[in-house]
Amino acid sequence: MDRMNTRYYKEPEVRAQIDQVLEKNARMFANLGNTSTPDEVKWAKNKERQRLKRVQHLDPVTVGSLLVED
């Protein structure tokens, strides 16, 4: 499927909801520092996946491409 034809690109409401999650995740990782413990990093990665999975139903193609296994 052409990614430009997904709901993320066609529906502003869907884009706004997904972008909100992406921004929260970006802020969370920006707040991790070089003094963060491995457990804190692991927690952040788990939280990121949880948030993405909550909005995956809005656009499975776009969000699914972000849910890549480590």
PDB file of N, CA and C in Angstrom:
ATOM      1  N   MET A   1       0.845  -1.191   0.000  1.00  0.00           N
ATOM      2  CA  MET A   1       0.000   0.000   0.000  1.00  0.00           C
ATOM      3  C   MET A   1       0.885   1.246   0.000  1.00  0.00           C
ATOM      4  N   ASP A   2       0.480   2.207  -0.770  1.00  0.00           N
ATOM      5  CA  ASP A   2       1.183   3.488  -0.822  1.00  0.00           C
ATOM      6  C   ASP A   2       0.924   4.233   0.484  1.00  0.00           C
ATOM      7  N   ARG A   3       1.981   4.529   1.205  1.00  0.00           N
ATOM      8  CA  ARG A   3       1.842   5.155   2.517  1.00  0.00           C
ATOM      9  C   ARG A   3       1.140   6.510   2.433  1.00  0.00           C
ATOM     10  N   MET A   4       1.233   7.202   1.308  1.00  0.00           N
ATOM     11  CA  MET A   4       0.584   8.503   1.173  1.00  0.00           C
ATOM     12  C   MET A   4      -0.938   8.380   1.091  1.00  0.00           C
ATOM     13  N   ASN A   5      -1.430   7.167   0.916  1.00  0.00           N
ATOM     14  CA  ASN A   5      -2.876   6.950   0.855  1.00  0.00           C
ATOM     15  C   ASN A   5      -3.443   6.431   2.169  1.00  0.00           C
ATOM     16  N   THR A   6      -2.676   6.508   3.225  1.00  0.00           N
ATOM     17  CA  THR A   6      -3.148   6.033   4.520  1.00  0.00           C
ATOM     18  C   THR A   6      -3.953   7.123   5.231  1.00  0.00           C
ATOM     19  N   ARG A   7      -4.667   6.718   6.267  1.00  0.00           N
ATOM     20  CA  ARG A   7      -5.488   7.666   7.026  1.00  0.00           C
ATOM     21  C   ARG A   7      -4.646   8.781   7.633  1.00  0.00           C
ATOM     22  N   TYR A   8      -3.393   8.478   7.984  1.00  0.00           N
ATOM     23  CA  TYR A   8      -2.511   9.490   8.579  1.00  0.00           C
ATOM     24  C   TYR A   8      -2.374  10.694   7.650  1.00  0.00           C
ATOM     25  N   TYR A   9      -2.272  10.442   6.370  1.00  0.00           N
ATOM     26  CA  TYR A   9      -2.088  11.529   5.405  1.00  0.00           C
ATOM     27  C   TYR A   9      -3.397  12.099   4.890  1.00  0.00           C
ATOM     28  N   LYS A  10      -4.480  11.349   5.004  1.00  0.00           N
ATOM     29  CA  LYS A  10      -5.753  11.799   4.439  1.00  0.00           C
ATOM     30  C   LYS A  10      -6.692  12.447   5.458  1.00  0.00           C
ATOM     31  N   GLU A  11      -6.533  12.086   6.738  1.00  0.00           N
ATOM     32  CA  GLU A  11      -7.480  12.566   7.744  1.00  0.00           C
ATOM     33  C   GLU A  11      -6.751  13.359   8.835  1.00  0.00           C
ATOM     34  N   PRO A  12      -6.964  14.668   8.870  1.00  0.00           N
ATOM     35  CA  PRO A  12      -6.276  15.521   9.848  1.00  0.00           C
ATOM     36  C   PRO A  12      -6.473  15.096  11.302  1.00  0.00           C
ATOM     37  N   GLU A  13      -7.650  14.601  11.652  1.00  0.00           N
ATOM     38  CA  GLU A  13      -7.906  14.162  13.040  1.00  0.00           C
ATOM     39  C   GLU A  13      -7.022  12.979  13.412  1.00  0.00           C
ATOM     40  N   VAL A  14      -6.894  12.035  12.490  1.00  0.00           N
ATOM     41  CA  VAL A  14      -6.056  10.859  12.726  1.00  0.00           C
ATOM     42  C   VAL A  14      -4.604  11.290  12.860  1.00  0.00           C
ATOM     43  N   ARG A  15      -4.178  12.161  11.964  1.00  0.00           N
ATOM     44  CA  ARG A  15      -2.800  12.651  12.009  1.00  0.00           C
ATOM     45  C   ARG A  15      -2.508  13.347  13.340  1.00  0.00           C
ATOM     46  N   ALA A  16      -3.441  14.161  13.798  1.00  0.00           N
ATOM     47  CA  ALA A  16      -3.244  14.896  15.057  1.00  0.00           C
ATOM     48  C   ALA A  16      -3.111  13.935  16.236  1.00  0.00           C
ATOM     49  N   GLN A  17      -3.923  12.893  16.267  1.00  0.00           N
ATOM     50  CA  GLN A  17      -3.862  11.943  17.378  1.00  0.00           C
ATOM     51  C   GLN A  17      -2.559  11.156  17.372  1.00  0.00           C
ATOM     52  N   ILE A  18      -2.134  10.727  16.193  1.00  0.00           N
ATOM     53  CA  ILE A  18      -0.872   9.985  16.092  1.00  0.00           C
ATOM     54  C   ILE A  18       0.300  10.902  16.400  1.00  0.00           C
ATOM     55  N   ASP A  19       0.269  12.115  15.881  1.00  0.00           N
ATOM     56  CA  ASP A  19       1.353  13.067  16.145  1.00  0.00           C
ATOM     57  C   ASP A  19       1.479  13.381  17.632  1.00  0.00           C
ATOM     58  N   GLN A  20       0.354  13.442  18.321  1.00  0.00           N
ATOM     59  CA  GLN A  20       0.391  13.713  19.760  1.00  0.00           C
ATOM     60  C   GLN A  20       1.158  12.605  20.485  1.00  0.00           C
ATOM     61  N   VAL A  21       0.919  11.364  20.108  1.00  0.00           N
ATOM     62  CA  VAL A  21       1.638  10.242  20.714  1.00  0.00           C
ATOM     63  C   VAL A  21       3.119  10.306  20.348  1.00  0.00           C
ATOM     64  N   LEU A  22       3.419  10.619  19.108  1.00  0.00           N
ATOM     65  CA  LEU A  22       4.818  10.704  18.677  1.00  0.00           C
ATOM     66  C   LEU A  22       5.557  11.810  19.439  1.00  0.00           C
ATOM     67  N   GLU A  23       4.882  12.914  19.675  1.00  0.00           N
ATOM     68  CA  GLU A  23       5.502  14.011  20.422  1.00  0.00           C
ATOM     69  C   GLU A  23       5.757  13.611  21.877  1.00  0.00           C
ATOM     70  N   LYS A  24       4.797  12.925  22.490  1.00  0.00           N
ATOM     71  CA  LYS A  24       4.994  12.460  23.872  1.00  0.00           C
ATOM     72  C   LYS A  24       6.187  11.518  23.948  1.00  0.00           C
ATOM     73  N   ASN A  25       6.275  10.620  22.973  1.00  0.00           N
ATOM     74  CA  ASN A  25       7.393   9.674  22.964  1.00  0.00           C
ATOM     75  C   ASN A  25       8.721  10.395  22.759  1.00  0.00           C
ATOM     76  N   ALA A  26       8.748  11.364  21.870  1.00  0.00           N
ATOM     77  CA  ALA A  26       9.981  12.112  21.617  1.00  0.00           C
ATOM     78  C   ALA A  26      10.432  12.857  22.877  1.00  0.00           C
ATOM     79  N   ARG A  27       9.473  13.477  23.583  1.00  0.00           N
ATOM     80  CA  ARG A  27       9.804  14.174  24.824  1.00  0.00           C
ATOM     81  C   ARG A  27      10.342  13.217  25.879  1.00  0.00           C
ATOM     82  N   MET A  28       9.721  12.057  25.957  1.00  0.00           N
ATOM     83  CA  MET A  28      10.146  11.074  26.943  1.00  0.00           C
ATOM     84  C   MET A  28      11.599  10.650  26.684  1.00  0.00           C
ATOM     85  N   PHE A  29      11.944  10.376  25.428  1.00  0.00           N
ATOM     86  CA  PHE A  29      13.309   9.956  25.119  1.00  0.00           C
ATOM     87  C   PHE A  29      14.294  11.114  25.228  1.00  0.00           C
ATOM     88  N   ALA A  30      13.832  12.322  24.955  1.00  0.00           N
ATOM     89  CA  ALA A  30      14.708  13.487  25.098  1.00  0.00           C
ATOM     90  C   ALA A  30      15.088  13.704  26.555  1.00  0.00           C
ATOM     91  N   ASN A  31      14.200  13.307  27.455  1.00  0.00           N
ATOM     92  CA  ASN A  31      14.468  13.479  28.881  1.00  0.00           C
ATOM     93  C   ASN A  31      15.358  12.380  29.462  1.00  0.00           C
ATOM     94  N   LEU A  32      15.590  11.325  28.692  1.00  0.00           N
ATOM     95  CA  LEU A  32      16.560  10.324  29.132  1.00  0.00           C
ATOM     96  C   LEU A  32      17.948  10.898  28.894  1.00  0.00           C
ATOM     97  N   GLY A  33      18.833  10.646  29.774  1.00  0.00           N
ATOM     98  CA  GLY A  33      20.188  11.181  29.611  1.00  0.00           C
ATOM     99  C   GLY A  33      21.213  10.076  29.677  1.00  0.00           C
ATOM    100  N   ASN A  34      22.461  10.477  29.610  1.00  0.00           N
ATOM    101  CA  ASN A  34      23.527   9.475  29.662  1.00  0.00           C
ATOM    102  C   ASN A  34      23.669   8.884  31.064  1.00  0.00           C
ATOM    103  N   THR A  35      22.935   9.429  32.013  1.00  0.00           N
ATOM    104  CA  THR A  35      22.955   8.854  33.358  1.00  0.00           C
ATOM    105  C   THR A  35      21.745   7.946  33.606  1.00  0.00           C
ATOM    106  N   SER A  36      20.898   7.797  32.594  1.00  0.00           N
ATOM    107  CA  SER A  36      19.725   6.927  32.738  1.00  0.00           C
ATOM    108  C   SER A  36      20.174   5.480  32.851  1.00  0.00           C
ATOM    109  N   THR A  37      19.503   4.775  33.708  1.00  0.00           N
ATOM    110  CA  THR A  37      19.841   3.366  33.917  1.00  0.00           C
ATOM    111  C   THR A  37      19.255   2.523  32.778  1.00  0.00           C
ATOM    112  N   PRO A  38      19.788   1.333  32.568  1.00  0.00           N
ATOM    113  CA  PRO A  38      19.197   0.440  31.563  1.00  0.00           C
ATOM    114  C   PRO A  38      17.721   0.151  31.845  1.00  0.00           C
ATOM    115  N   ASP A  39      17.352   0.083  33.110  1.00  0.00           N
ATOM    116  CA  ASP A  39      15.941  -0.132  33.450  1.00  0.00           C
ATOM    117  C   ASP A  39      15.069   1.048  33.024  1.00  0.00           C
ATOM    118  N   GLU A  40      15.578   2.258  33.171  1.00  0.00           N
ATOM    119  CA  GLU A  40      14.820   3.444  32.735  1.00  0.00           C
ATOM    120  C   GLU A  40      14.647   3.461  31.224  1.00  0.00           C
ATOM    121  N   VAL A  41      15.669   3.080  30.510  1.00  0.00           N
ATOM    122  CA  VAL A  41      15.592   3.034  29.047  1.00  0.00           C
ATOM    123  C   VAL A  41      14.607   1.946  28.618  1.00  0.00           C
ATOM    124  N   LYS A  42      14.666   0.810  29.267  1.00  0.00           N
ATOM    125  CA  LYS A  42      13.752  -0.294  28.959  1.00  0.00           C
ATOM    126  C   LYS A  42      12.314   0.122  29.241  1.00  0.00           C
ATOM    127  N   TRP A  43      12.101   0.807  30.372  1.00  0.00           N
ATOM    128  CA  TRP A  43      10.768   1.297  30.709  1.00  0.00           C
ATOM    129  C   TRP A  43      10.255   2.243  29.628  1.00  0.00           C
ATOM    130  N   ALA A  44      11.116   3.152  29.159  1.00  0.00           N
ATOM    131  CA  ALA A  44      10.720   4.120  28.130  1.00  0.00           C
ATOM    132  C   ALA A  44      10.356   3.409  26.825  1.00  0.00           C
ATOM    133  N   LYS A  45      11.123   2.409  26.454  1.00  0.00           N
ATOM    134  CA  LYS A  45      10.815   1.661  25.224  1.00  0.00           C
ATOM    135  C   LYS A  45       9.479   0.939  25.344  1.00  0.00           C
ATOM    136  N   ASN A  46       9.224   0.360  26.511  1.00  0.00           N
ATOM    137  CA  ASN A  46       7.941  -0.313  26.730  1.00  0.00           C
ATOM    138  C   ASN A  46       6.778   0.676  26.686  1.00  0.00           C
ATOM    139  N   LYS A  47       6.969   1.827  27.308  1.00  0.00           N
ATOM    140  CA  LYS A  47       5.933   2.866  27.310  1.00  0.00           C
ATOM    141  C   LYS A  47       5.658   3.356  25.891  1.00  0.00           C
ATOM    142  N   GLU A  48       6.716   3.521  25.104  1.00  0.00           N
ATOM    143  CA  GLU A  48       6.568   3.952  23.714  1.00  0.00           C
ATOM    144  C   GLU A  48       5.703   2.948  22.946  1.00  0.00           C
ATOM    145  N   ARG A  49       5.993   1.669  23.073  1.00  0.00           N
ATOM    146  CA  ARG A  49       5.230   0.633  22.375  1.00  0.00           C
ATOM    147  C   ARG A  49       3.765   0.632  22.822  1.00  0.00           C
ATOM    148  N   GLN A  50       3.537   0.798  24.125  1.00  0.00           N
ATOM    149  CA  GLN A  50       2.158   0.836  24.629  1.00  0.00           C
ATOM    150  C   GLN A  50       1.381   1.979  23.986  1.00  0.00           C
ATOM    151  N   ARG A  51       2.000   3.134  23.956  1.00  0.00           N
ATOM    152  CA  ARG A  51       1.326   4.305  23.377  1.00  0.00           C
ATOM    153  C   ARG A  51       1.043   4.104  21.893  1.00  0.00           C
ATOM    154  N   LEU A  52       2.014   3.557  21.160  1.00  0.00           N
ATOM    155  CA  LEU A  52       1.803   3.329  19.734  1.00  0.00           C
ATOM    156  C   LEU A  52       0.706   2.297  19.491  1.00  0.00           C
ATOM    157  N   LYS A  53       0.690   1.255  20.285  1.00  0.00           N
ATOM    158  CA  LYS A  53      -0.338   0.228  20.119  1.00  0.00           C
ATOM    159  C   LYS A  53      -1.729   0.777  20.384  1.00  0.00           C
ATOM    160  N   ARG A  54      -1.832   1.767  21.276  1.00  0.00           N
ATOM    161  CA  ARG A  54      -3.133   2.376  21.570  1.00  0.00           C
ATOM    162  C   ARG A  54      -3.705   3.143  20.379  1.00  0.00           C
ATOM    163  N   VAL A  55      -2.847   3.639  19.491  1.00  0.00           N
ATOM    164  CA  VAL A  55      -3.349   4.388  18.328  1.00  0.00           C
ATOM    165  C   VAL A  55      -3.170   3.616  17.016  1.00  0.00           C
ATOM    166  N   GLN A  56      -2.688   2.405  17.088  1.00  0.00           N
ATOM    167  CA  GLN A  56      -2.446   1.630  15.873  1.00  0.00           C
ATOM    168  C   GLN A  56      -3.726   1.408  15.071  1.00  0.00           C
ATOM    169  N   HIS A  57      -4.859   1.287  15.755  1.00  0.00           N
ATOM    170  CA  HIS A  57      -6.127   1.066  15.048  1.00  0.00           C
ATOM    171  C   HIS A  57      -6.490   2.239  14.129  1.00  0.00           C
ATOM    172  N   LEU A  58      -5.956   3.417  14.416  1.00  0.00           N
ATOM    173  CA  LEU A  58      -6.254   4.594  13.593  1.00  0.00           C
ATOM    174  C   LEU A  58      -5.633   4.481  12.202  1.00  0.00           C
ATOM    175  N   ASP A  59      -4.430   3.923  12.138  1.00  0.00           N
ATOM    176  CA  ASP A  59      -3.740   3.713  10.860  1.00  0.00           C
ATOM    177  C   ASP A  59      -2.715   2.593  11.042  1.00  0.00           C
ATOM    178  N   PRO A  60      -3.154   1.354  10.832  1.00  0.00           N
ATOM    179  CA  PRO A  60      -2.266   0.212  11.057  1.00  0.00           C
ATOM    180  C   PRO A  60      -0.995   0.231  10.207  1.00  0.00           C
ATOM    181  N   VAL A  61      -1.052   0.796   9.023  1.00  0.00           N
ATOM    182  CA  VAL A  61       0.122   0.821   8.150  1.00  0.00           C
ATOM    183  C   VAL A  61       1.185   1.769   8.701  1.00  0.00           C
ATOM    184  N   THR A  62       0.808   2.995   8.978  1.00  0.00           N
ATOM    185  CA  THR A  62       1.755   3.996   9.451  1.00  0.00           C
ATOM    186  C   THR A  62       2.291   3.648  10.834  1.00  0.00           C
ATOM    187  N   VAL A  63       1.401   3.383  11.758  1.00  0.00           N
ATOM    188  CA  VAL A  63       1.837   3.090  13.120  1.00  0.00           C
ATOM    189  C   VAL A  63       2.551   1.736  13.164  1.00  0.00           C
ATOM    190  N   GLY A  64       2.075   0.790  12.379  1.00  0.00           N
ATOM    191  CA  GLY A  64       2.718  -0.521  12.320  1.00  0.00           C
ATOM    192  C   GLY A  64       4.170  -0.445  11.872  1.00  0.00           C
ATOM    193  N   SER A  65       4.461   0.511  11.005  1.00  0.00           N
ATOM    194  CA  SER A  65       5.852   0.665  10.543  1.00  0.00           C
ATOM    195  C   SER A  65       6.756   1.184  11.650  1.00  0.00           C
ATOM    196  N   LEU A  66       6.167   1.778  12.689  1.00  0.00           N
ATOM    197  CA  LEU A  66       6.952   2.269  13.829  1.00  0.00           C
ATOM    198  C   LEU A  66       7.129   1.210  14.904  1.00  0.00           C
ATOM    199  N   LEU A  67       6.294   0.188  14.853  1.00  0.00           N
ATOM    200  CA  LEU A  67       6.354  -0.874  15.854  1.00  0.00           C
ATOM    201  C   LEU A  67       7.256  -2.007  15.367  1.00  0.00           C
ATOM    202  N   VAL A  68       8.504  -1.706  15.251  1.00  0.00           N
ATOM    203  CA  VAL A  68       9.476  -2.681  14.776  1.00  0.00           C
ATOM    204  C   VAL A  68      10.136  -3.316  15.997  1.00  0.00           C
ATOM    205  N   GLU A  69      10.309  -4.613  15.946  1.00  0.00           N
ATOM    206  CA  GLU A  69      10.956  -5.307  17.063  1.00  0.00           C
ATOM    207  C   GLU A  69      12.424  -4.915  17.150  1.00  0.00           C
ATOM    208  N   ASP A  70      12.929  -4.845  18.369  1.00  0.00           N
ATOM    209  CA  ASP A  70      14.354  -4.528  18.592  1.00  0.00           C
ATOM    210  C   ASP A  70      15.213  -5.679  18.143  1.00  0.00           C
TER     211      ASP A  70
END
